Protein backbone atom coordinates (compact mmCIF):
# COMPACT_ATOMS: atom_id res chain seq x y z
CA UNK A 1 209.43 127.70 2.69
CA UNK A 2 205.80 128.62 1.44
CA UNK A 3 203.99 131.58 0.50
CA UNK A 4 200.43 132.34 -0.84
CA UNK A 5 199.59 134.79 -3.33
CA UNK A 6 196.26 135.32 -4.83
CA UNK A 7 195.12 131.98 -5.11
CA UNK A 8 198.55 130.28 -5.87
CA UNK A 9 200.83 128.49 -3.43
CA UNK A 10 204.82 129.93 -4.17
CA UNK A 11 207.29 127.40 -2.84
CA UNK A 12 211.05 127.13 -2.49
CA UNK A 13 212.37 123.84 -1.64
CA UNK A 14 215.81 121.98 -2.36
CA UNK A 15 215.71 118.84 -3.91
CA UNK A 16 216.05 116.85 -7.36
CA UNK A 17 213.45 118.42 -9.79
CA UNK A 18 213.03 115.05 -11.74
CA UNK A 19 211.51 113.60 -8.42
CA UNK A 20 208.82 116.48 -8.30
CA UNK A 21 205.37 115.35 -8.35
CA UNK A 22 204.04 118.93 -9.86
CA UNK A 23 201.85 118.40 -13.26
CA UNK A 24 204.83 119.81 -14.94
CA UNK A 25 208.78 120.38 -14.38
CA UNK A 26 210.95 122.79 -16.15
CA UNK A 27 214.11 121.80 -17.89
CA UNK A 28 216.76 124.42 -18.29
CA UNK A 29 216.85 123.83 -22.04
CA UNK A 30 219.36 125.11 -24.77
CA UNK A 31 218.03 126.41 -27.76
CA UNK A 32 218.47 122.93 -29.55
CA UNK A 33 216.81 121.22 -27.12
CA UNK A 34 219.21 118.69 -26.69
CA UNK A 35 219.22 117.14 -23.31
CA UNK A 36 223.06 116.96 -22.63
CA UNK A 37 224.27 117.71 -19.05
CA UNK A 38 223.01 119.42 -15.52
CA UNK A 39 219.04 119.57 -15.49
CA UNK A 40 218.36 118.52 -18.81
CA UNK A 41 220.56 115.30 -18.44
CA UNK A 42 218.95 114.04 -15.40
CA UNK A 43 215.61 114.58 -16.92
CA UNK A 44 217.06 112.58 -20.05
CA UNK A 45 218.47 109.71 -17.85
CA UNK A 46 215.23 109.72 -15.60
CA UNK A 47 212.84 110.31 -18.03
CA UNK A 48 213.71 107.96 -20.98
CA UNK A 49 214.33 108.68 -24.58
CA UNK A 50 210.81 109.84 -25.52
CA UNK A 51 211.24 113.34 -24.21
CA UNK A 52 214.56 113.56 -26.47
CA UNK A 53 212.43 112.38 -29.39
CA UNK A 54 209.74 114.73 -29.00
CA UNK A 55 212.26 117.59 -28.53
CA UNK A 56 213.94 116.57 -31.62
CA UNK A 57 210.53 116.58 -33.58
CA UNK A 58 210.19 120.52 -31.87
CA UNK A 59 213.46 121.12 -33.18
CA UNK A 60 214.42 123.97 -31.06
CA UNK A 61 213.16 127.47 -29.58
CA UNK A 62 214.51 131.04 -28.95
CA UNK A 63 216.60 132.15 -25.94
CA UNK A 64 213.64 133.13 -23.65
CA UNK A 65 211.33 130.59 -25.29
CA UNK A 66 209.82 127.73 -23.72
CA UNK A 67 208.15 124.09 -25.24
CA UNK A 68 206.26 121.68 -24.03
CA UNK A 69 206.82 117.76 -24.21
CA UNK A 70 205.51 114.70 -22.34
CA UNK A 71 207.63 113.72 -19.46
CA UNK A 72 208.25 110.02 -20.27
CA UNK A 73 208.89 108.10 -16.88
CA UNK A 74 209.23 111.04 -14.52
CA UNK A 75 206.48 111.62 -11.80
CA UNK A 76 205.38 115.00 -13.77
CA UNK A 77 203.13 114.39 -16.70
CA UNK A 78 204.94 117.40 -18.72
CA UNK A 79 208.35 119.05 -19.28
CA UNK A 80 208.48 122.66 -20.28
CA UNK A 81 211.77 123.24 -21.97
CA UNK A 82 212.72 126.93 -20.97
CA UNK A 83 215.73 128.27 -22.69
CA UNK A 84 217.84 130.91 -20.49
CA UNK A 85 220.55 132.96 -21.45
CA UNK A 86 224.26 132.40 -21.54
CA UNK A 87 226.01 134.76 -19.14
CA UNK A 88 227.72 137.61 -21.41
CA UNK A 89 225.52 137.12 -24.47
CA UNK A 90 223.61 140.44 -23.67
CA UNK A 91 219.93 141.40 -22.37
CA UNK A 92 220.38 138.43 -20.11
CA UNK A 93 218.03 139.49 -17.47
CA UNK A 94 215.13 140.12 -19.88
CA UNK A 95 215.74 136.95 -21.89
CA UNK A 96 215.64 134.98 -18.32
CA UNK A 97 212.34 136.87 -17.67
CA UNK A 98 211.09 135.90 -20.77
CA UNK A 99 212.17 132.38 -20.30
CA UNK A 100 209.96 132.04 -17.06
CA UNK A 101 207.14 133.98 -18.34
CA UNK A 102 206.91 131.54 -21.26
CA UNK A 103 207.02 128.86 -18.91
CA UNK A 104 203.96 130.15 -17.02
CA UNK A 105 201.97 131.20 -19.96
CA UNK A 106 202.69 127.53 -21.61
CA UNK A 107 201.61 125.96 -18.40
CA UNK A 108 198.43 128.06 -18.24
CA UNK A 109 197.74 127.20 -21.92
CA UNK A 110 198.14 123.31 -21.23
CA UNK A 111 195.66 123.32 -18.22
CA UNK A 112 198.55 122.66 -15.82
CA UNK A 113 197.86 123.33 -12.21
CA UNK A 114 201.27 122.76 -10.67
CA UNK A 115 204.86 123.44 -11.89
CA UNK A 116 208.66 123.31 -10.60
CA UNK A 117 211.52 125.48 -11.70
CA UNK A 118 215.07 124.99 -11.29
CA UNK A 119 217.59 127.92 -11.52
CA UNK A 120 217.41 128.61 -14.88
CA UNK A 121 220.98 129.24 -16.63
CA UNK A 122 222.86 129.28 -13.36
CA UNK A 123 224.66 125.92 -14.19
CA UNK A 124 227.00 125.88 -17.09
CA UNK A 125 225.56 129.18 -18.67
CA UNK A 126 226.91 131.03 -15.63
CA UNK A 127 224.03 133.28 -14.88
CA UNK A 128 224.57 134.22 -10.96
CA UNK A 129 222.05 132.55 -8.66
CA UNK A 130 221.20 136.13 -6.49
CA UNK A 131 220.30 137.73 -9.96
CA UNK A 132 218.47 134.71 -10.98
CA UNK A 133 216.51 134.44 -7.97
CA UNK A 134 215.44 137.99 -8.07
CA UNK A 135 214.57 137.63 -11.92
CA UNK A 136 212.37 134.31 -11.34
CA UNK A 137 210.88 135.16 -8.38
CA UNK A 138 209.88 138.42 -9.29
CA UNK A 139 208.46 137.64 -12.61
CA UNK A 140 206.41 134.57 -11.05
CA UNK A 141 204.69 136.87 -8.55
CA UNK A 142 203.99 139.50 -11.15
CA UNK A 143 202.58 136.79 -13.45
CA UNK A 144 200.30 135.06 -10.30
CA UNK A 145 198.89 138.57 -9.82
CA UNK A 146 197.07 138.26 -12.93
CA UNK A 147 194.73 135.85 -14.14
CA UNK A 148 196.32 132.25 -13.80
CA UNK A 149 194.95 128.80 -13.17
CA UNK A 150 197.93 127.78 -11.49
CA UNK A 151 197.72 126.51 -8.22
CA UNK A 152 201.25 125.93 -7.18
CA UNK A 153 204.66 127.28 -8.10
CA UNK A 154 207.43 125.69 -6.89
CA UNK A 155 211.30 126.44 -7.14
CA UNK A 156 213.09 123.33 -6.52
CA UNK A 157 216.74 124.05 -6.04
CA UNK A 158 219.88 121.89 -6.18
CA UNK A 159 222.17 122.31 -3.01
CA UNK A 160 221.64 124.10 0.06
CA UNK A 161 223.33 127.38 -0.96
CA UNK A 162 221.14 127.99 -4.16
CA UNK A 163 217.98 127.08 -1.69
CA UNK A 164 219.21 129.71 0.67
CA UNK A 165 219.46 132.54 -2.11
CA UNK A 166 215.86 131.78 -3.26
CA UNK A 167 214.45 131.26 0.29
CA UNK A 168 216.13 134.99 1.19
CA UNK A 169 214.78 136.57 -1.89
CA UNK A 170 211.16 135.22 -1.51
CA UNK A 171 211.68 136.22 2.55
CA UNK A 172 212.25 139.81 1.29
CA UNK A 173 209.53 139.88 -1.00
CA UNK A 174 207.02 138.72 1.70
CA UNK A 175 208.19 141.35 4.08
CA UNK A 176 207.63 143.92 1.20
CA UNK A 177 204.43 143.02 -0.38
CA UNK A 178 200.65 142.31 0.86
CA UNK A 179 201.13 138.37 0.88
CA UNK A 180 200.54 136.02 3.61
CA UNK A 181 202.89 133.06 4.73
CA UNK A 182 201.38 129.76 5.22
């Protein structure tokens, strides 16, 4: 599903984020930037050791923060490592909003024109998928309304259920906002 807001295409797809051909993909990272399981593990396996080596040099970031590395052997050119909250740690919604916003800002700072996000914090970190869709889509749309050079923002969801949750949220937003569907 696609929508156009300002001069940016917003898209929700089901798929494997490591196969995305956007300029950058976002890794649902931990604060230590250790590429273990889930999205991070898939990025490590397909991207090769260069990504973890660069993460090791960076050393880590705060919950809600984002850092950038090369993408190794992936189709994307960059990986933005965004640290989302663990459910139950407190202030999770604001931390997820910050992780999304900091990823978008980092993309603009690095002249990235297209970016793909996973559903940050919904795996082992336990954040509910419906709240994730609300926070990430709302934050992205607010950001797009401002000055950005991003031409395309994709939410690449693993599994039909996750895709449907994001698709329904985007449909609700379109019905309630001044945007045009493509």
